[in-house]
Amino acid sequence: MNLAAQDIRHNLARFGLTACGIGLLLMIVLGMGGIYRGLVYEATLLVDRVNADLWVVQRNTRGPFAEVSSVPANVENRVLAVPGVASSRRFVYWTLQREVAGRPLRLAIQGLVWPYDNGAWLPLAAGHPLGQAHYEMVADRSLGLQLGERVKLGKDFYTVVGVTHGMTSASGDGMAFFSLPDAQAIQFDEPGEAIRLQRNTRVAQMQAQDIGQQQPALLTRVSGLTANLPALLPPTVSAVLVKLSPGADAQAVINTIQGWPDLTVYTSDQQRDLLVHGFVDRSRRQLGLFRAILVVVSTIIMTLILYTLTLDKTHDIAMLKLMGARNRVIVGLILQQALLLGAIGYGLAALLGHWLFPLFPRRVVITTPDFWLLAVVVAGIAVFASLLGIWKAMRISPNTVLS
């Protein structure tokens, strides 16, 4: 006859409720680690997917994700002329929030250099990559946009031609992919009145100068589209992505580009480090502290419950000692209860986590080592929590049965 099983059956309600509470706490402990892994995964997702060897960004910035970066579009051609560079392409990335169909829509926008990059590398769940240079978009499933839906952004309507899965930004926002001209048109969109005031300002400034009075044709030119003014550069981009030639000396390419006073170069590994040790570092420390507090709370709860169960068995333990039971029998009784309590809580944590974590608004990544680590932690908690009950049981005198 197993004494631990008989005692649990006698206090089944208390033991079951305690196991449920421990299971919920352990599920949160497991989830804290999964949330951090999810943050790292989302932060580095785009860096891994775009498959670039080097990231060329604005000088002395940590762009384009950890910090805003603004690079002239013609840097693409400058970089392409460097020996060892196989290809270069412009990269546009920024966050937009609008209201669509009466609900807020927050999305991270990336511009694709169509037709060289039409988004074929995206994990499509439905639809197809971009098929033309304008007015099409590929949206992540988390945005809630349906295939074929038309969304107005800026002054134009864009049709959802593809739906991806799992493409979220470092902040957890779903991503949307446009051709680069469309992404820039949305980014630099201005109200009509603002455009009119800018043109009037340019005309007034030109009229106030001698050259404007001597060449009236210039007044017509400055009152037109901004893009038609030769003195103004095209819209800037967030970064330029570089792919090296096979066998090229990466450090030599970096040194050449770093010699230009307006640019900074990062490798893909350095870009990941900027995100992991900068963008999500504070979240990592906060989640780690909260996780440690939950482990301590779980330990205290199990300790108090096992101590209370031991107090309830004072007469029974005294009777066992009076009958000549060895100390290891009493120690085994309490330790088995502690391990069983931990095992049930661990099982509930794994089961509930498997069911609930996919419903979280942010990605939760649970790996096999996480489960093994939690099992070791639970076993340690169970053994430690049983020590107070064992200490109390060893102090019970057999004479207590007579009182």
Protein backbone atom coordinates (compact mmCIF):
# COMPACT_ATOMS: atom_id res chain seq x y z
CA MET A 1 0.00 0.00 0.00
CA ASN A 2 1.39 3.39 -1.00
CA LEU A 3 1.00 5.85 1.88
CA ALA A 4 1.40 8.92 -0.35
CA ALA A 5 -1.42 7.78 -2.66
CA GLN A 6 -3.71 7.07 0.28
CA ASP A 7 -3.04 10.48 1.81
CA ILE A 8 -3.65 12.24 -1.51
CA ARG A 9 -6.96 10.40 -1.87
CA HIS A 10 -7.90 11.63 1.58
CA ASN A 11 -7.08 15.28 0.63
CA LEU A 12 -7.96 15.03 -3.04
CA ALA A 13 -9.72 18.41 -3.41
CA ARG A 14 -6.93 20.42 -1.80
CA PHE A 15 -4.25 18.51 -3.68
CA GLY A 16 -6.07 18.92 -7.02
CA LEU A 17 -6.61 22.66 -6.64
CA THR A 18 -2.98 23.13 -5.64
CA ALA A 19 -1.82 21.14 -8.68
CA CYS A 20 -3.98 23.32 -10.94
CA GLY A 21 -2.58 26.51 -9.44
CA ILE A 22 0.99 25.24 -9.78
CA GLY A 23 0.26 24.21 -13.36
CA LEU A 24 -0.95 27.71 -14.28
CA LEU A 25 2.11 29.32 -12.70
CA LEU A 26 4.44 26.91 -14.48
CA MET A 27 2.64 27.59 -17.76
CA ILE A 28 3.43 31.30 -17.34
CA VAL A 29 7.04 30.45 -16.47
CA LEU A 30 7.24 28.41 -19.68
CA GLY A 31 5.53 31.18 -21.62
CA MET A 32 7.98 33.86 -20.44
CA GLY A 33 10.83 32.02 -22.12
CA GLY A 34 8.71 31.44 -25.22
CA ILE A 35 7.75 35.11 -25.45
CA TYR A 36 11.41 36.14 -25.34
CA ARG A 37 12.30 33.62 -28.04
CA GLY A 38 9.38 34.98 -30.05
CA LEU A 39 10.70 38.54 -29.69
CA VAL A 40 14.12 37.47 -30.94
CA TYR A 41 12.59 35.51 -33.81
CA GLU A 42 10.44 38.42 -34.95
CA ALA A 43 13.28 40.93 -34.55
CA THR A 44 15.66 38.93 -36.74
CA LEU A 45 13.09 37.45 -39.13
CA LEU A 46 13.50 40.00 -41.91
CA VAL A 47 17.28 40.06 -41.56
CA ASP A 48 17.35 36.32 -42.17
CA ARG A 49 14.79 36.30 -44.96
CA VAL A 50 16.13 39.05 -47.23
CA ASN A 51 19.44 37.16 -47.58
CA ALA A 52 21.84 40.11 -47.76
CA ASP A 53 25.55 39.92 -46.93
CA LEU A 54 25.96 43.60 -46.06
CA TRP A 55 23.63 46.38 -44.92
CA VAL A 56 24.63 49.90 -45.97
CA VAL A 57 22.92 52.55 -43.82
CA GLN A 58 23.22 56.18 -42.88
CA ARG A 59 26.49 57.16 -41.20
CA ASN A 60 26.63 56.70 -37.40
CA THR A 61 23.15 55.14 -37.19
CA ARG A 62 22.01 51.65 -36.18
CA GLY A 63 19.47 51.41 -38.99
CA PRO A 64 17.26 50.45 -40.53
CA PHE A 65 15.45 48.52 -37.74
CA ALA A 66 16.96 49.63 -34.44
CA GLU A 67 17.15 53.26 -35.61
CA VAL A 68 15.83 55.38 -38.46
CA SER A 69 18.20 55.50 -41.43
CA SER A 70 18.02 57.70 -44.53
CA VAL A 71 20.25 56.93 -47.51
CA PRO A 72 20.21 58.58 -50.97
CA ALA A 73 18.81 56.25 -53.60
CA ASN A 74 21.88 56.67 -55.82
CA VAL A 75 23.99 54.84 -53.21
CA GLU A 76 22.74 51.66 -54.90
CA ASN A 77 24.82 52.50 -57.99
CA ARG A 78 27.81 53.69 -55.97
CA VAL A 79 27.95 50.44 -54.03
CA LEU A 80 27.53 48.36 -57.17
CA ALA A 81 30.77 49.84 -58.54
CA VAL A 82 32.82 48.49 -55.59
CA PRO A 83 34.95 45.45 -56.54
CA GLY A 84 33.55 42.28 -54.99
CA VAL A 85 29.91 43.41 -55.01
CA ALA A 86 27.68 41.11 -57.09
CA SER A 87 24.43 43.04 -56.64
CA SER A 88 22.88 45.85 -54.63
CA ARG A 89 19.29 46.86 -54.13
CA ARG A 90 17.42 49.56 -52.30
CA PHE A 91 15.59 48.73 -49.08
CA VAL A 92 12.62 50.67 -47.71
CA TYR A 93 11.18 49.82 -44.30
CA TRP A 94 8.85 51.83 -42.07
CA THR A 95 5.68 51.49 -40.00
CA LEU A 96 2.25 52.83 -40.92
CA GLN A 97 -1.03 53.03 -39.01
CA ARG A 98 -4.31 53.74 -40.74
CA GLU A 99 -8.00 53.03 -40.22
CA VAL A 100 -9.50 50.51 -42.64
CA ALA A 101 -13.15 49.45 -42.53
CA GLY A 102 -13.60 51.16 -39.17
CA ARG A 103 -10.73 49.37 -37.45
CA PRO A 104 -7.10 50.42 -36.84
CA LEU A 105 -4.60 48.82 -39.19
CA ARG A 106 -0.93 48.95 -38.19
CA LEU A 107 1.53 47.44 -40.64
CA ALA A 108 5.25 47.38 -41.29
CA ILE A 109 5.88 48.24 -44.94
CA GLN A 110 8.78 46.96 -47.01
CA GLY A 111 9.47 48.05 -50.57
CA LEU A 112 10.56 45.43 -53.10
CA VAL A 113 12.74 46.35 -56.08
CA TRP A 114 10.35 45.01 -58.70
CA PRO A 115 10.88 43.17 -61.08
CA TYR A 116 14.22 41.96 -59.67
CA ASP A 117 12.50 41.20 -56.37
CA ASN A 118 8.79 40.42 -56.60
CA GLY A 119 8.53 38.71 -53.20
CA ALA A 120 8.90 35.14 -54.45
CA TRP A 121 10.97 34.39 -51.33
CA LEU A 122 8.01 35.17 -49.05
CA PRO A 123 6.19 32.25 -47.34
CA LEU A 124 2.89 32.59 -49.20
CA ALA A 125 -0.21 30.96 -47.74
CA ALA A 126 -2.42 32.10 -50.63
CA GLY A 127 -2.18 34.12 -53.82
CA HIS A 128 1.04 34.99 -55.65
CA PRO A 129 3.95 37.48 -55.48
CA LEU A 130 3.75 40.94 -57.00
CA GLY A 131 2.83 40.73 -60.67
CA GLN A 132 3.22 44.38 -61.66
CA ALA A 133 5.08 47.48 -60.62
CA HIS A 134 2.15 49.36 -59.12
CA TYR A 135 -1.04 48.99 -57.08
CA GLU A 136 -0.42 45.48 -55.72
CA MET A 137 0.55 44.33 -52.24
CA VAL A 138 1.37 41.14 -50.37
CA ALA A 139 0.07 41.23 -46.78
CA ASP A 140 0.61 39.01 -43.77
CA ARG A 141 -2.32 36.99 -42.48
CA SER A 142 -2.15 38.72 -39.07
CA LEU A 143 -3.33 41.98 -40.68
CA GLY A 144 -6.75 40.47 -41.37
CA LEU A 145 -6.74 41.45 -45.05
CA GLN A 146 -8.35 39.04 -47.50
CA LEU A 147 -7.04 37.98 -50.88
CA GLY A 148 -8.39 40.37 -53.52
CA GLU A 149 -9.28 43.07 -50.99
CA ARG A 150 -8.55 46.66 -52.06
CA VAL A 151 -7.01 48.97 -49.47
CA LYS A 152 -6.58 52.73 -49.86
CA LEU A 153 -3.19 53.96 -48.69
CA GLY A 154 -2.20 57.47 -49.58
CA LYS A 155 -4.03 58.54 -52.73
CA ASP A 156 -4.18 55.10 -54.39
CA PHE A 157 -5.90 51.76 -53.91
CA TYR A 158 -3.80 48.61 -53.58
CA THR A 159 -5.07 45.09 -54.20
CA VAL A 160 -3.98 42.21 -51.96
CA VAL A 161 -2.57 39.63 -54.41
CA GLY A 162 -0.78 37.45 -51.85
CA VAL A 163 -1.12 36.48 -48.19
CA THR A 164 1.90 35.41 -46.14
CA HIS A 165 2.07 33.67 -42.78
CA GLY A 166 4.47 34.43 -39.94
CA MET A 167 5.89 37.65 -41.43
CA THR A 168 5.82 40.10 -38.53
CA SER A 169 8.10 42.97 -37.58
CA ALA A 170 10.20 43.32 -34.43
CA SER A 171 7.30 45.16 -32.77
CA GLY A 172 4.83 42.39 -33.65
CA ASP A 173 3.08 44.24 -36.47
CA GLY A 174 2.10 42.32 -39.59
CA MET A 175 4.17 43.13 -42.65
CA ALA A 176 2.98 44.31 -46.05
CA PHE A 177 5.12 44.25 -49.19
CA PHE A 178 4.83 46.73 -52.06
CA SER A 179 6.95 47.64 -55.02
CA LEU A 180 9.53 50.20 -53.96
CA PRO A 181 7.94 53.15 -55.85
CA ASP A 182 4.56 52.37 -54.28
CA ALA A 183 6.09 52.10 -50.79
CA GLN A 184 7.76 55.48 -51.24
CA ALA A 185 4.58 57.00 -52.66
CA ILE A 186 2.74 55.93 -49.51
CA GLN A 187 5.56 57.06 -47.22
CA PHE A 188 5.91 60.54 -48.71
CA ASP A 189 2.22 61.11 -49.43
CA GLU A 190 1.03 64.60 -48.55
CA PRO A 191 -2.38 66.26 -48.59
CA GLY A 192 -3.21 68.28 -51.70
CA GLU A 193 -3.27 71.55 -49.75
CA ALA A 194 0.24 70.90 -48.41
CA ILE A 195 1.52 70.28 -51.96
CA ARG A 196 -0.13 73.48 -53.18
CA LEU A 197 1.45 75.51 -50.37
CA GLN A 198 4.89 74.03 -51.13
CA ARG A 199 4.58 74.99 -54.80
CA ASN A 200 3.44 78.52 -53.92
CA THR A 201 6.40 78.85 -51.56
CA ARG A 202 8.83 77.77 -54.27
CA VAL A 203 7.31 80.23 -56.75
CA ALA A 204 7.46 83.07 -54.20
CA GLN A 205 11.11 82.31 -53.42
CA MET A 206 11.98 82.19 -57.12
CA GLN A 207 10.18 85.48 -57.78
CA ALA A 208 12.19 87.12 -55.02
CA GLN A 209 15.47 86.23 -56.78
CA ASP A 210 17.01 87.85 -59.82
CA ILE A 211 17.16 84.62 -61.77
CA GLY A 212 13.41 84.17 -61.37
CA GLN A 213 12.74 87.63 -62.75
CA GLN A 214 15.16 87.20 -65.67
CA GLN A 215 13.94 83.71 -66.65
CA PRO A 216 10.14 83.51 -66.24
CA ALA A 217 10.20 79.91 -67.55
CA LEU A 218 11.72 78.85 -64.23
CA LEU A 219 8.58 79.99 -62.45
CA THR A 220 6.57 77.52 -64.48
CA ARG A 221 9.06 74.78 -63.70
CA VAL A 222 9.06 75.27 -59.90
CA SER A 223 5.26 75.40 -59.80
CA GLY A 224 5.06 71.86 -61.21
CA LEU A 225 5.68 68.43 -59.74
CA THR A 226 8.48 68.10 -57.20
CA ALA A 227 9.82 65.02 -58.98
CA ASN A 228 10.39 67.08 -62.15
CA LEU A 229 12.78 69.48 -60.44
CA PRO A 230 16.32 68.46 -61.45
CA ALA A 231 17.90 70.14 -58.44
CA LEU A 232 16.06 67.84 -56.00
CA LEU A 233 17.19 64.29 -55.28
CA PRO A 234 14.76 61.35 -55.53
CA PRO A 235 13.23 60.08 -52.28
CA THR A 236 15.68 58.50 -49.86
CA VAL A 237 15.65 54.82 -48.85
CA SER A 238 16.22 53.12 -45.50
CA ALA A 239 19.26 51.09 -46.56
CA VAL A 240 21.02 49.43 -49.48
CA LEU A 241 21.39 45.65 -49.39
CA VAL A 242 24.58 44.18 -50.81
CA LYS A 243 25.22 40.68 -52.10
CA LEU A 244 28.91 39.78 -52.46
CA SER A 245 30.45 37.88 -55.34
CA PRO A 246 31.59 34.29 -54.60
CA GLY A 247 35.05 34.38 -53.07
CA ALA A 248 35.02 38.13 -52.56
CA ASP A 249 36.86 39.64 -49.59
CA ALA A 250 34.02 40.92 -47.40
CA GLN A 251 36.33 42.99 -45.20
CA ALA A 252 37.84 44.74 -48.21
CA VAL A 253 34.37 45.68 -49.47
CA ILE A 254 33.39 46.92 -46.00
CA ASN A 255 36.56 49.01 -45.71
CA THR A 256 35.93 50.59 -49.10
CA ILE A 257 32.34 51.59 -48.31
CA GLN A 258 33.21 52.63 -44.75
CA GLY A 259 35.71 55.05 -46.26
CA TRP A 260 32.84 57.11 -47.62
CA PRO A 261 31.91 59.75 -45.03
CA ASP A 262 28.12 59.37 -45.38
CA LEU A 263 27.67 55.59 -44.93
CA THR A 264 28.05 52.83 -42.35
CA VAL A 265 28.17 49.11 -43.17
CA TYR A 266 26.94 46.19 -41.08
CA THR A 267 27.12 42.49 -41.78
CA SER A 268 24.00 40.37 -41.27
CA ASP A 269 25.40 39.04 -37.98
CA GLN A 270 26.05 42.57 -36.74
CA GLN A 271 22.53 43.57 -37.75
CA ARG A 272 21.13 40.69 -35.67
CA ASP A 273 23.27 41.71 -32.69
CA LEU A 274 21.97 45.28 -32.91
CA LEU A 275 18.42 43.97 -32.65
CA VAL A 276 18.96 41.27 -30.01
CA HIS A 277 21.25 43.23 -27.69
CA GLY A 278 19.59 46.58 -28.26
CA PHE A 279 16.00 46.38 -29.43
CA VAL A 280 14.85 43.42 -27.28
CA ASP A 281 17.45 43.49 -24.49
CA ARG A 282 15.27 45.41 -22.02
CA SER A 283 12.33 43.09 -22.71
CA ARG A 284 14.61 40.09 -22.15
CA ARG A 285 15.68 41.34 -18.72
CA GLN A 286 12.14 42.19 -17.70
CA LEU A 287 10.78 38.81 -18.77
CA GLY A 288 13.67 37.05 -17.03
CA LEU A 289 12.99 38.87 -13.75
CA PHE A 290 9.27 38.13 -13.94
CA ARG A 291 10.06 34.49 -14.68
CA ALA A 292 12.31 34.24 -11.61
CA ILE A 293 9.61 35.78 -9.41
CA LEU A 294 7.08 33.21 -10.63
CA VAL A 295 9.49 30.36 -9.82
CA VAL A 296 9.90 31.72 -6.29
CA VAL A 297 6.12 32.08 -5.88
CA SER A 298 5.58 28.50 -7.10
CA THR A 299 8.17 27.25 -4.62
CA ILE A 300 6.54 29.11 -1.72
CA ILE A 301 3.07 27.81 -2.58
CA MET A 302 4.24 24.20 -2.84
CA THR A 303 6.20 24.54 0.41
CA LEU A 304 3.19 25.88 2.32
CA ILE A 305 0.84 23.24 0.93
CA LEU A 306 3.21 20.36 1.77
CA TYR A 307 3.81 21.80 5.24
CA THR A 308 0.05 22.08 5.82
CA LEU A 309 -0.47 18.50 4.65
CA THR A 310 2.26 17.40 7.05
CA LEU A 311 0.58 19.20 9.97
CA ASP A 312 -2.70 17.44 9.12
CA LYS A 313 -0.88 14.09 9.37
CA THR A 314 0.75 14.76 12.74
CA HIS A 315 -1.25 12.02 14.49
CA ASP A 316 -0.70 9.55 11.65
CA ILE A 317 3.06 10.19 11.52
CA ALA A 318 3.29 9.78 15.29
CA MET A 319 1.42 6.47 14.98
CA LEU A 320 3.81 5.27 12.27
CA LYS A 321 6.79 6.11 14.48
CA LEU A 322 5.18 4.35 17.42
CA MET A 323 4.72 1.25 15.24
CA GLY A 324 8.43 1.30 14.41
CA ALA A 325 8.34 2.82 10.91
CA ARG A 326 11.72 4.03 9.73
CA ASN A 327 12.38 7.68 8.96
CA ARG A 328 12.88 6.94 5.25
CA VAL A 329 9.26 5.76 5.04
CA ILE A 330 8.02 9.11 6.36
CA VAL A 331 10.48 11.05 4.20
CA GLY A 332 9.35 9.05 1.17
CA LEU A 333 5.70 9.85 1.97
CA ILE A 334 6.28 13.62 1.85
CA LEU A 335 8.79 13.57 -1.02
CA GLN A 336 6.52 11.44 -3.20
CA GLN A 337 3.67 13.86 -2.66
CA ALA A 338 5.90 16.79 -3.61
CA LEU A 339 7.16 15.09 -6.79
CA LEU A 340 3.65 14.05 -7.78
CA LEU A 341 2.39 17.59 -7.21
CA GLY A 342 5.18 18.93 -9.39
CA ALA A 343 4.60 16.29 -12.10
CA ILE A 344 0.88 17.08 -12.33
CA GLY A 345 1.60 20.82 -12.44
CA TYR A 346 4.21 20.28 -15.16
CA GLY A 347 1.78 18.19 -17.21
CA LEU A 348 -0.94 20.83 -16.93
CA ALA A 349 1.54 23.59 -17.87
CA ALA A 350 2.62 21.74 -21.01
CA LEU A 351 -0.94 20.88 -21.98
CA LEU A 352 -2.40 24.35 -21.39
CA GLY A 353 0.58 26.02 -23.04
CA HIS A 354 0.18 23.90 -26.16
CA TRP A 355 -3.44 25.01 -26.36
CA LEU A 356 -3.19 28.66 -25.30
CA PHE A 357 0.14 29.93 -26.64
CA PRO A 358 -0.98 29.94 -30.31
CA LEU A 359 -3.82 32.29 -29.28
CA PHE A 360 -1.44 34.94 -27.93
CA PRO A 361 -1.23 38.18 -29.97
CA ARG A 362 2.58 37.89 -30.11
CA ARG A 363 4.56 34.89 -31.24
CA VAL A 364 5.49 32.38 -28.50
CA VAL A 365 8.32 30.03 -29.48
CA ILE A 366 8.68 26.97 -27.24
CA THR A 367 11.54 24.57 -27.95
CA THR A 368 12.29 21.07 -26.65
CA PRO A 369 15.13 22.34 -24.41
CA ASP A 370 12.58 24.65 -22.76
CA PHE A 371 10.50 21.66 -21.69
CA TRP A 372 13.55 19.80 -20.36
CA LEU A 373 14.71 22.88 -18.46
CA LEU A 374 11.25 23.36 -16.94
CA ALA A 375 11.19 19.68 -15.89
CA VAL A 376 14.52 20.09 -14.07
CA VAL A 377 13.29 23.31 -12.42
CA VAL A 378 10.04 21.63 -11.31
CA ALA A 379 11.93 18.66 -9.85
CA GLY A 380 14.19 21.07 -7.95
CA ILE A 381 11.18 23.03 -6.68
CA ALA A 382 9.45 19.84 -5.52
CA VAL A 383 12.50 18.59 -3.61
CA PHE A 384 13.14 21.99 -2.03
CA ALA A 385 9.47 22.46 -1.11
CA SER A 386 9.37 19.10 0.65
CA LEU A 387 12.24 19.97 3.00
CA LEU A 388 10.11 22.03 5.40
CA GLY A 389 7.49 19.27 5.62
CA ILE A 390 10.22 16.65 6.18
CA TRP A 391 11.80 18.78 8.88
CA LYS A 392 8.46 19.08 10.65
CA ALA A 393 7.77 15.34 10.33
CA MET A 394 11.16 14.45 11.84
CA ARG A 395 10.36 16.58 14.90
CA ILE A 396 7.07 14.79 15.64
CA SER A 397 7.41 12.58 18.69
CA PRO A 398 5.74 9.14 18.86
CA ASN A 399 4.25 10.22 22.20
CA THR A 400 2.10 12.73 20.29
CA VAL A 401 -0.33 9.91 19.53
CA LEU A 402 -1.23 9.72 23.22
CA SER A 403 -2.14 13.44 23.46
